[in-house]
Amino acid sequence: MYAEQTQPSHTVQVNNGLAGRILVVDDDRAFGGFMLASLSSRGHDVEWAGCILDALGNLYSERYDLVIIDLRLPDGNGLELLRQATEEGLLTQSAAIILTGHDFDEPDDIRVFHKPLDIESFLDRMGEIIAHTKKREVARSTRPPAHARGTSHDRGRRSDKQAKIELVLYVSPSSEKCQKAVRTIQQVLEQYDAQQVNFSVCDLTGRPSTAEEDAVVFTPTLVKRGPGPRTWIVGNLDQPELLVDLLEVSGVDRKKD
C-alpha cells in the first residue's frame, strides 16, 4: 500500500449526509493523489491502494461504502478484484465503480478531469451513490429474518431469480462512443444465455430522471445492479473483453452449441 495511506487526509466537514468511507484502487500515484484530495474535500474518509493484493488487505480490515477500481492494475484486472472481494463477502455493504480507459486525450473519459464541471459532477454522483448504499443497508438491516420470509422452497426460487444479471446501459444517442458501446454489448450478449441476462438501454438525455437511482451523469455508463454489489463501469465500453470479464465474474453461462 502507498505510504500516503497511513497519513490522515485533510477533510472538509460537510453536513449533507452524503459523506462515507471510500477505497480508491489505482496504481497511478498522481491520479490516486488527485482522487484522494478531491474526495476528501467533500468530507469522505478516503484510503488508497495500488494493486489487488493491497486492496484486498484493506477490504479485509475495513468496511467501505464505495470502492473505486481502475480496470488495469499491476497484478491483474480490476474485475478480478471485484470477483474475489464478492466471493469473500467483502462488498456486501458496498458499491463499486470500475474506471476504464487510459487515453487521457479523450475529453469525455472519466479519467480526464480538465473541466471543473466534470469533477464537481463526479463528486456529486459519488455522494449520491454512497447515500443510496447506506439507504439500502438500512433497509436490509430492518428486513425480517429469513425464516419469517417464507419456506426454504420459496427462498430457493428467489435465489435462482437473483442469480440473473441485470445490466443497464446509460447513453447519449448522439455520442459515437455510446453507439459503439451498444453494438459491442449486444454482440457479446449473443454468446450468452439470454434467460440469465436482463439488459436495457436508457437515454440519459431524454429521460434524465430514470438515472437518479443509479446516480449516473457520464455516458456511456454500464450499471450492474445484481447479483453482488451494484457496480458502475464508466468510460470506454467498446472493448468486448470488458463485458466478457463482467459476465464471467457474475457467473453467466454461455450458450450451448
C-alpha atoms as a PDB file:
ATOM      1  CA  MET A   1       0.000   0.000   0.000  1.00  0.00           C
ATOM      2  CA  TYR A   2       1.151   3.524  -0.551  1.00  0.00           C
ATOM      3  CA  ALA A   3       2.753   5.408   2.282  1.00  0.00           C
ATOM      4  CA  GLU A   4       0.213   8.180   1.844  1.00  0.00           C
ATOM      5  CA  GLN A   5      -2.483   5.866   3.203  1.00  0.00           C
ATOM      6  CA  THR A   6      -1.001   5.928   6.678  1.00  0.00           C
ATOM      7  CA  GLN A   7      -1.239   9.698   6.838  1.00  0.00           C
ATOM      8  CA  PRO A   8      -4.525  11.314   7.886  1.00  0.00           C
ATOM      9  CA  SER A   9      -6.098  13.089   4.950  1.00  0.00           C
ATOM     10  CA  HIS A  10      -7.324  16.648   5.175  1.00  0.00           C
ATOM     11  CA  THR A  11     -11.091  16.505   5.447  1.00  0.00           C
ATOM     12  CA  VAL A  12     -13.626  19.264   4.927  1.00  0.00           C
ATOM     13  CA  GLN A  13     -16.581  18.672   7.213  1.00  0.00           C
ATOM     14  CA  VAL A  14     -19.921  18.514   5.418  1.00  0.00           C
ATOM     15  CA  ASN A  15     -23.434  18.200   6.739  1.00  0.00           C
ATOM     16  CA  ASN A  16     -25.256  16.859   3.692  1.00  0.00           C
ATOM     17  CA  GLY A  17     -25.297  13.263   4.912  1.00  0.00           C
ATOM     18  CA  LEU A  18     -23.502  12.024   1.794  1.00  0.00           C
ATOM     19  CA  ALA A  19     -20.032  11.504   3.261  1.00  0.00           C
ATOM     20  CA  GLY A  20     -18.750   7.972   3.566  1.00  0.00           C
ATOM     21  CA  ARG A  21     -15.739   5.656   3.527  1.00  0.00           C
ATOM     22  CA  ILE A  22     -14.119   5.198   0.103  1.00  0.00           C
ATOM     23  CA  LEU A  23     -11.309   2.973  -1.152  1.00  0.00           C
ATOM     24  CA  VAL A  24      -9.553   4.088  -4.351  1.00  0.00           C
ATOM     25  CA  VAL A  25      -7.616   1.305  -6.104  1.00  0.00           C
ATOM     26  CA  ASP A  26      -5.240   2.630  -8.763  1.00  0.00           C
ATOM     27  CA  ASP A  27      -1.526   2.209  -9.447  1.00  0.00           C
ATOM     28  CA  ASP A  28      -1.199   5.735 -10.876  1.00  0.00           C
ATOM     29  CA  ARG A  29       0.166   7.743  -7.942  1.00  0.00           C
ATOM     30  CA  ALA A  30      -0.692  11.130  -9.472  1.00  0.00           C
ATOM     31  CA  PHE A  31      -4.262  10.121 -10.291  1.00  0.00           C
ATOM     32  CA  GLY A  32      -4.680   8.434  -6.929  1.00  0.00           C
ATOM     33  CA  GLY A  33      -3.471  11.533  -5.126  1.00  0.00           C
ATOM     34  CA  PHE A  34      -5.868  13.668  -7.132  1.00  0.00           C
ATOM     35  CA  MET A  35      -8.789  11.394  -6.260  1.00  0.00           C
ATOM     36  CA  LEU A  36      -7.757  11.331  -2.611  1.00  0.00           C
ATOM     37  CA  ALA A  37      -7.706  15.125  -2.389  1.00  0.00           C
ATOM     38  CA  SER A  38     -10.913  15.631  -4.399  1.00  0.00           C
ATOM     39  CA  LEU A  39     -12.995  13.089  -2.496  1.00  0.00           C
ATOM     40  CA  SER A  40     -11.613  14.195   0.867  1.00  0.00           C
ATOM     41  CA  SER A  41     -12.647  17.767   0.075  1.00  0.00           C
ATOM     42  CA  ARG A  42     -16.276  16.554   0.188  1.00  0.00           C
ATOM     43  CA  GLY A  43     -15.839  15.114   3.676  1.00  0.00           C
ATOM     44  CA  HIS A  44     -15.239  11.496   2.654  1.00  0.00           C
ATOM     45  CA  ASP A  45     -12.823   9.267   4.536  1.00  0.00           C
ATOM     46  CA  VAL A  46     -10.610   8.038   1.675  1.00  0.00           C
ATOM     47  CA  GLU A  47      -7.919   5.360   1.508  1.00  0.00           C
ATOM     48  CA  TRP A  48      -5.768   4.322  -1.404  1.00  0.00           C
ATOM     49  CA  ALA A  49      -4.317   1.023  -2.593  1.00  0.00           C
ATOM     50  CA  GLY A  50      -2.168   0.449  -5.659  1.00  0.00           C
ATOM     51  CA  CYS A  51      -2.875  -3.182  -6.508  1.00  0.00           C
ATOM     52  CA  ILE A  52      -5.318  -6.053  -5.981  1.00  0.00           C
ATOM     53  CA  LEU A  53      -3.341  -7.559  -3.098  1.00  0.00           C
ATOM     54  CA  ASP A  54      -3.231  -4.311  -1.140  1.00  0.00           C
ATOM     55  CA  ALA A  55      -6.890  -3.572  -1.875  1.00  0.00           C
ATOM     56  CA  LEU A  56      -7.944  -6.978  -0.542  1.00  0.00           C
ATOM     57  CA  GLY A  57      -5.961  -6.241   2.598  1.00  0.00           C
ATOM     58  CA  ASN A  58      -7.923  -3.021   3.052  1.00  0.00           C
ATOM     59  CA  LEU A  59     -11.234  -4.754   2.421  1.00  0.00           C
ATOM     60  CA  TYR A  60     -10.490  -7.498   4.936  1.00  0.00           C
ATOM     61  CA  SER A  61      -9.770  -4.966   7.662  1.00  0.00           C
ATOM     62  CA  GLU A  62     -12.283  -2.199   6.885  1.00  0.00           C
ATOM     63  CA  ARG A  63     -15.797  -1.725   5.503  1.00  0.00           C
ATOM     64  CA  TYR A  64     -16.267   0.826   2.727  1.00  0.00           C
ATOM     65  CA  ASP A  65     -19.380   2.438   1.313  1.00  0.00           C
ATOM     66  CA  LEU A  66     -17.761   2.760  -2.106  1.00  0.00           C
ATOM     67  CA  VAL A  67     -14.786   1.142  -3.861  1.00  0.00           C
ATOM     68  CA  ILE A  68     -13.411   2.888  -6.977  1.00  0.00           C
ATOM     69  CA  ILE A  69     -11.306   0.470  -9.027  1.00  0.00           C
ATOM     70  CA  ASP A  70      -9.094   1.075 -12.049  1.00  0.00           C
ATOM     71  CA  LEU A  71      -9.602  -1.619 -14.690  1.00  0.00           C
ATOM     72  CA  ARG A  72      -5.893  -2.232 -15.258  1.00  0.00           C
ATOM     73  CA  LEU A  73      -3.822  -2.953 -12.180  1.00  0.00           C
ATOM     74  CA  PRO A  74      -0.221  -4.210 -11.940  1.00  0.00           C
ATOM     75  CA  ASP A  75      -1.265  -7.602 -10.534  1.00  0.00           C
ATOM     76  CA  GLY A  76      -4.396  -8.198 -12.615  1.00  0.00           C
ATOM     77  CA  ASN A  77      -7.729  -6.902 -13.850  1.00  0.00           C
ATOM     78  CA  GLY A  78      -9.926  -4.694 -11.680  1.00  0.00           C
ATOM     79  CA  LEU A  79     -12.786  -7.112 -12.277  1.00  0.00           C
ATOM     80  CA  GLU A  80     -10.670  -9.849 -10.713  1.00  0.00           C
ATOM     81  CA  LEU A  81     -10.562  -7.771  -7.561  1.00  0.00           C
ATOM     82  CA  LEU A  82     -14.338  -7.344  -7.769  1.00  0.00           C
ATOM     83  CA  ARG A  83     -14.820 -11.104  -8.158  1.00  0.00           C
ATOM     84  CA  GLN A  84     -12.502 -12.058  -5.304  1.00  0.00           C
ATOM     85  CA  ALA A  85     -13.934  -9.457  -2.952  1.00  0.00           C
ATOM     86  CA  THR A  86     -17.503 -10.508  -3.798  1.00  0.00           C
ATOM     87  CA  GLU A  87     -16.756 -14.206  -3.287  1.00  0.00           C
ATOM     88  CA  GLU A  88     -15.200 -13.431   0.094  1.00  0.00           C
ATOM     89  CA  GLY A  89     -18.230 -11.371   1.133  1.00  0.00           C
ATOM     90  CA  LEU A  90     -16.167  -8.198   1.427  1.00  0.00           C
ATOM     91  CA  LEU A  91     -18.554  -5.999  -0.588  1.00  0.00           C
ATOM     92  CA  THR A  92     -21.935  -6.942   0.849  1.00  0.00           C
ATOM     93  CA  GLN A  93     -22.373  -3.402   2.182  1.00  0.00           C
ATOM     94  CA  SER A  94     -20.527  -1.587  -0.602  1.00  0.00           C
ATOM     95  CA  ALA A  95     -20.978  -0.177  -4.084  1.00  0.00           C
ATOM     96  CA  ALA A  96     -18.216  -0.440  -6.678  1.00  0.00           C
ATOM     97  CA  ILE A  97     -17.106   1.624  -9.659  1.00  0.00           C
ATOM     98  CA  ILE A  98     -14.810   0.327 -12.398  1.00  0.00           C
ATOM     99  CA  LEU A  99     -12.894   3.060 -14.246  1.00  0.00           C
ATOM    100  CA  THR A 100     -11.964   2.256 -17.843  1.00  0.00           C
ATOM    101  CA  GLY A 101      -9.886   3.966 -20.479  1.00  0.00           C
ATOM    102  CA  HIS A 102      -6.292   5.172 -20.305  1.00  0.00           C
ATOM    103  CA  ASP A 103      -6.354   7.609 -23.203  1.00  0.00           C
ATOM    104  CA  PHE A 104      -6.055  10.945 -21.457  1.00  0.00           C
ATOM    105  CA  ASP A 105      -6.653  12.867 -24.678  1.00  0.00           C
ATOM    106  CA  GLU A 106     -10.329  11.779 -24.732  1.00  0.00           C
ATOM    107  CA  PRO A 107     -12.320  14.709 -23.274  1.00  0.00           C
ATOM    108  CA  ASP A 108     -15.287  12.623 -22.059  1.00  0.00           C
ATOM    109  CA  ASP A 109     -13.196   9.909 -20.387  1.00  0.00           C
ATOM    110  CA  ILE A 110     -13.933   9.530 -16.681  1.00  0.00           C
ATOM    111  CA  ARG A 111     -10.192   9.642 -16.032  1.00  0.00           C
ATOM    112  CA  VAL A 112      -9.839  13.103 -17.563  1.00  0.00           C
ATOM    113  CA  PHE A 113     -10.773  15.937 -15.235  1.00  0.00           C
ATOM    114  CA  HIS A 114      -9.842  19.011 -17.243  1.00  0.00           C
ATOM    115  CA  LYS A 115     -13.157  20.787 -16.714  1.00  0.00           C
ATOM    116  CA  PRO A 116     -14.187  21.839 -13.182  1.00  0.00           C
ATOM    117  CA  LEU A 117     -17.799  20.939 -14.058  1.00  0.00           C
ATOM    118  CA  ASP A 118     -16.761  17.336 -14.726  1.00  0.00           C
ATOM    119  CA  ILE A 119     -15.082  16.761 -11.390  1.00  0.00           C
ATOM    120  CA  GLU A 120     -17.827  18.527  -9.467  1.00  0.00           C
ATOM    121  CA  SER A 121     -20.465  16.381 -11.159  1.00  0.00           C
ATOM    122  CA  PHE A 122     -18.389  13.297 -10.475  1.00  0.00           C
ATOM    123  CA  LEU A 123     -18.088  14.179  -6.786  1.00  0.00           C
ATOM    124  CA  ASP A 124     -21.825  14.885  -6.594  1.00  0.00           C
ATOM    125  CA  ARG A 125     -22.588  11.453  -8.003  1.00  0.00           C
ATOM    126  CA  MET A 126     -20.152   9.729  -5.658  1.00  0.00           C
ATOM    127  CA  GLY A 127     -22.037  11.286  -2.760  1.00  0.00           C
ATOM    128  CA  GLU A 128     -25.366  10.127  -4.162  1.00  0.00           C
ATOM    129  CA  ILE A 129     -24.088   6.588  -4.696  1.00  0.00           C
ATOM    130  CA  ILE A 130     -22.873   6.480  -1.099  1.00  0.00           C
ATOM    131  CA  ALA A 131     -26.248   7.768   0.096  1.00  0.00           C
ATOM    132  CA  HIS A 132     -28.036   5.023  -1.879  1.00  0.00           C
ATOM    133  CA  THR A 133     -25.648   2.414  -0.488  1.00  0.00           C
ATOM    134  CA  LYS A 134     -26.295   3.482   3.079  1.00  0.00           C
ATOM    135  CA  LYS A 135     -30.042   3.593   2.461  1.00  0.00           C
ATOM    136  CA  ARG A 136     -30.034   0.037   1.091  1.00  0.00           C
ATOM    137  CA  GLU A 137     -28.009  -1.155   4.068  1.00  0.00           C
ATOM    138  CA  VAL A 138     -30.517   0.362   6.499  1.00  0.00           C
ATOM    139  CA  ALA A 139     -33.359  -1.293   4.589  1.00  0.00           C
ATOM    140  CA  ARG A 140     -31.523  -4.627   4.644  1.00  0.00           C
ATOM    141  CA  SER A 141     -30.926  -4.417   8.383  1.00  0.00           C
ATOM    142  CA  THR A 142     -34.633  -3.835   9.069  1.00  0.00           C
ATOM    143  CA  ARG A 143     -35.869  -6.776   6.970  1.00  0.00           C
ATOM    144  CA  PRO A 144     -37.402  -9.696   8.894  1.00  0.00           C
ATOM    145  CA  PRO A 145     -35.189 -12.752   9.416  1.00  0.00           C
ATOM    146  CA  ALA A 146     -35.032 -15.342   6.646  1.00  0.00           C
ATOM    147  CA  HIS A 147     -37.247 -17.840   8.461  1.00  0.00           C
ATOM    148  CA  ALA A 148     -40.045 -15.244   8.539  1.00  0.00           C
ATOM    149  CA  ARG A 149     -39.988 -14.572   4.786  1.00  0.00           C
ATOM    150  CA  GLY A 150     -41.351 -17.892   3.516  1.00  0.00           C
ATOM    151  CA  THR A 151     -40.405 -21.512   3.125  1.00  0.00           C
ATOM    152  CA  SER A 152     -36.999 -22.744   2.076  1.00  0.00           C
ATOM    153  CA  HIS A 153     -38.542 -23.724  -1.267  1.00  0.00           C
ATOM    154  CA  ASP A 154     -39.714 -20.133  -1.830  1.00  0.00           C
ATOM    155  CA  ARG A 155     -36.334 -18.751  -0.839  1.00  0.00           C
ATOM    156  CA  GLY A 156     -34.641 -21.102  -3.250  1.00  0.00           C
ATOM    157  CA  ARG A 157     -36.782 -19.857  -6.115  1.00  0.00           C
ATOM    158  CA  ARG A 158     -35.962 -16.247  -5.222  1.00  0.00           C
ATOM    159  CA  SER A 159     -32.270 -17.092  -5.103  1.00  0.00           C
ATOM    160  CA  ASP A 160     -32.422 -18.564  -8.633  1.00  0.00           C
ATOM    161  CA  LYS A 161     -34.089 -15.383  -9.882  1.00  0.00           C
ATOM    162  CA  GLN A 162     -31.474 -13.175  -8.254  1.00  0.00           C
ATOM    163  CA  ALA A 163     -28.706 -15.130  -9.996  1.00  0.00           C
ATOM    164  CA  LYS A 164     -29.654 -13.482 -13.310  1.00  0.00           C
ATOM    165  CA  ILE A 165     -27.507 -10.456 -14.010  1.00  0.00           C
ATOM    166  CA  GLU A 166     -29.257  -7.112 -14.518  1.00  0.00           C
ATOM    167  CA  LEU A 167     -27.441  -4.589 -16.707  1.00  0.00           C
ATOM    168  CA  VAL A 168     -28.494  -1.038 -17.590  1.00  0.00           C
ATOM    169  CA  LEU A 169     -26.530   0.974 -20.154  1.00  0.00           C
ATOM    170  CA  TYR A 170     -26.957   4.746 -19.941  1.00  0.00           C
ATOM    171  CA  VAL A 171     -26.272   6.518 -23.226  1.00  0.00           C
ATOM    172  CA  SER A 172     -26.467   9.780 -25.114  1.00  0.00           C
ATOM    173  CA  PRO A 173     -27.750   8.747 -28.584  1.00  0.00           C
ATOM    174  CA  SER A 174     -25.741  11.414 -30.393  1.00  0.00           C
ATOM    175  CA  SER A 175     -22.470  10.101 -28.966  1.00  0.00           C
ATOM    176  CA  GLU A 176     -20.464   7.814 -31.248  1.00  0.00           C
ATOM    177  CA  LYS A 177     -18.843   6.223 -28.211  1.00  0.00           C
ATOM    178  CA  CYS A 178     -22.284   5.361 -26.824  1.00  0.00           C
ATOM    179  CA  GLN A 179     -23.373   3.858 -30.143  1.00  0.00           C
ATOM    180  CA  LYS A 180     -20.250   1.684 -30.162  1.00  0.00           C
ATOM    181  CA  ALA A 181     -20.970   0.606 -26.601  1.00  0.00           C
ATOM    182  CA  VAL A 182     -24.493  -0.538 -27.524  1.00  0.00           C
ATOM    183  CA  ARG A 183     -23.241  -2.536 -30.517  1.00  0.00           C
ATOM    184  CA  THR A 184     -20.422  -4.129 -28.539  1.00  0.00           C
ATOM    185  CA  ILE A 185     -22.673  -5.172 -25.656  1.00  0.00           C
ATOM    186  CA  GLN A 186     -25.333  -6.610 -27.973  1.00  0.00           C
ATOM    187  CA  GLN A 187     -22.722  -8.627 -29.870  1.00  0.00           C
ATOM    188  CA  VAL A 188     -21.245 -10.028 -26.673  1.00  0.00           C
ATOM    189  CA  LEU A 189     -24.634 -10.898 -25.154  1.00  0.00           C
ATOM    190  CA  GLU A 190     -25.485 -13.007 -28.229  1.00  0.00           C
ATOM    191  CA  GLN A 191     -22.911 -15.507 -26.934  1.00  0.00           C
ATOM    192  CA  TYR A 192     -24.618 -15.917 -23.531  1.00  0.00           C
ATOM    193  CA  ASP A 193     -27.802 -17.442 -22.155  1.00  0.00           C
ATOM    194  CA  ALA A 194     -30.442 -14.752 -22.692  1.00  0.00           C
ATOM    195  CA  GLN A 195     -32.514 -16.108 -19.797  1.00  0.00           C
ATOM    196  CA  GLN A 196     -29.748 -15.125 -17.372  1.00  0.00           C
ATOM    197  CA  VAL A 197     -29.296 -11.536 -18.581  1.00  0.00           C
ATOM    198  CA  ASN A 198     -31.711  -8.636 -18.174  1.00  0.00           C
ATOM    199  CA  PHE A 199     -30.231  -5.874 -20.351  1.00  0.00           C
ATOM    200  CA  SER A 200     -31.765  -2.474 -21.097  1.00  0.00           C
ATOM    201  CA  VAL A 201     -30.598   0.812 -22.628  1.00  0.00           C
ATOM    202  CA  CYS A 202     -31.582   4.160 -21.121  1.00  0.00           C
ATOM    203  CA  ASP A 203     -31.338   7.508 -22.933  1.00  0.00           C
ATOM    204  CA  LEU A 204     -29.868   9.808 -20.307  1.00  0.00           C
ATOM    205  CA  THR A 205     -30.666  12.954 -22.311  1.00  0.00           C
ATOM    206  CA  GLY A 206     -34.319  12.156 -22.952  1.00  0.00           C
ATOM    207  CA  ARG A 207     -35.180  10.648 -19.558  1.00  0.00           C
ATOM    208  CA  PRO A 208     -32.715  12.071 -17.007  1.00  0.00           C
ATOM    209  CA  SER A 209     -34.958  11.194 -14.069  1.00  0.00           C
ATOM    210  CA  THR A 210     -34.520   7.476 -14.787  1.00  0.00           C
ATOM    211  CA  ALA A 211     -30.837   7.783 -13.895  1.00  0.00           C
ATOM    212  CA  GLU A 212     -31.460   9.105 -10.389  1.00  0.00           C
ATOM    213  CA  GLU A 213     -31.445   5.696  -8.701  1.00  0.00           C
ATOM    214  CA  ASP A 214     -28.106   4.809 -10.305  1.00  0.00           C
ATOM    215  CA  ALA A 215     -26.669   8.331  -9.871  1.00  0.00           C
ATOM    216  CA  VAL A 216     -25.443   8.421 -13.482  1.00  0.00           C
ATOM    217  CA  VAL A 217     -24.089  11.560 -15.126  1.00  0.00           C
ATOM    218  CA  PHE A 218     -21.430  10.348 -17.590  1.00  0.00           C
ATOM    219  CA  THR A 219     -22.197   8.395 -20.755  1.00  0.00           C
ATOM    220  CA  PRO A 220     -21.712   5.676 -21.609  1.00  0.00           C
ATOM    221  CA  THR A 221     -22.097   4.122 -18.169  1.00  0.00           C
ATOM    222  CA  LEU A 222     -22.944   0.461 -17.650  1.00  0.00           C
ATOM    223  CA  VAL A 223     -24.556  -0.387 -14.299  1.00  0.00           C
ATOM    224  CA  LYS A 224     -24.626  -3.942 -12.970  1.00  0.00           C
ATOM    225  CA  ARG A 225     -27.484  -3.959 -10.495  1.00  0.00           C
ATOM    226  CA  GLY A 226     -27.014  -7.557  -9.470  1.00  0.00           C
ATOM    227  CA  PRO A 227     -26.013 -10.095  -8.400  1.00  0.00           C
ATOM    228  CA  GLY A 228     -23.448  -8.918  -5.875  1.00  0.00           C
ATOM    229  CA  PRO A 229     -22.653  -5.272  -5.192  1.00  0.00           C
ATOM    230  CA  ARG A 230     -24.091  -2.653  -7.523  1.00  0.00           C
ATOM    231  CA  THR A 231     -21.268  -1.843  -9.922  1.00  0.00           C
ATOM    232  CA  TRP A 232     -20.757   1.103 -12.272  1.00  0.00           C
ATOM    233  CA  ILE A 233     -18.456   0.764 -15.309  1.00  0.00           C
ATOM    234  CA  VAL A 234     -17.618   4.219 -16.578  1.00  0.00           C
ATOM    235  CA  GLY A 235     -15.553   5.106 -19.634  1.00  0.00           C
ATOM    236  CA  ASN A 236     -14.574   3.218 -22.761  1.00  0.00           C
ATOM    237  CA  LEU A 237     -17.008   0.316 -23.335  1.00  0.00           C
ATOM    238  CA  ASP A 238     -16.183  -0.528 -26.956  1.00  0.00           C
ATOM    239  CA  GLN A 239     -13.834  -3.365 -25.994  1.00  0.00           C
ATOM    240  CA  PRO A 240     -15.722  -6.689 -25.724  1.00  0.00           C
ATOM    241  CA  GLU A 241     -13.212  -8.131 -23.257  1.00  0.00           C
ATOM    242  CA  LEU A 242     -14.516  -5.856 -20.505  1.00  0.00           C
ATOM    243  CA  LEU A 243     -18.108  -7.093 -20.748  1.00  0.00           C
ATOM    244  CA  VAL A 244     -16.973 -10.716 -21.164  1.00  0.00           C
ATOM    245  CA  ASP A 245     -14.993 -10.421 -17.935  1.00  0.00           C
ATOM    246  CA  LEU A 246     -18.005  -8.901 -16.171  1.00  0.00           C
ATOM    247  CA  LEU A 247     -20.329 -11.695 -17.320  1.00  0.00           C
ATOM    248  CA  GLU A 248     -17.823 -14.385 -16.374  1.00  0.00           C
ATOM    249  CA  VAL A 249     -17.269 -12.838 -12.952  1.00  0.00           C
ATOM    250  CA  SER A 250     -21.049 -12.793 -12.454  1.00  0.00           C
ATOM    251  CA  GLY A 251     -21.394 -16.472 -13.358  1.00  0.00           C
ATOM    252  CA  VAL A 252     -23.462 -16.057 -16.542  1.00  0.00           C
ATOM    253  CA  ASP A 253     -23.448 -19.190 -18.714  1.00  0.00           C
ATOM    254  CA  ARG A 254     -22.502 -19.170 -22.370  1.00  0.00           C
ATOM    255  CA  LYS A 255     -24.933 -20.549 -24.923  1.00  0.00           C
ATOM    256  CA  LYS A 256     -24.575 -24.261 -25.519  1.00  0.00           C
ATOM    257  CA  ASP A 257     -23.577 -25.340 -29.001  1.00  0.00           C
END
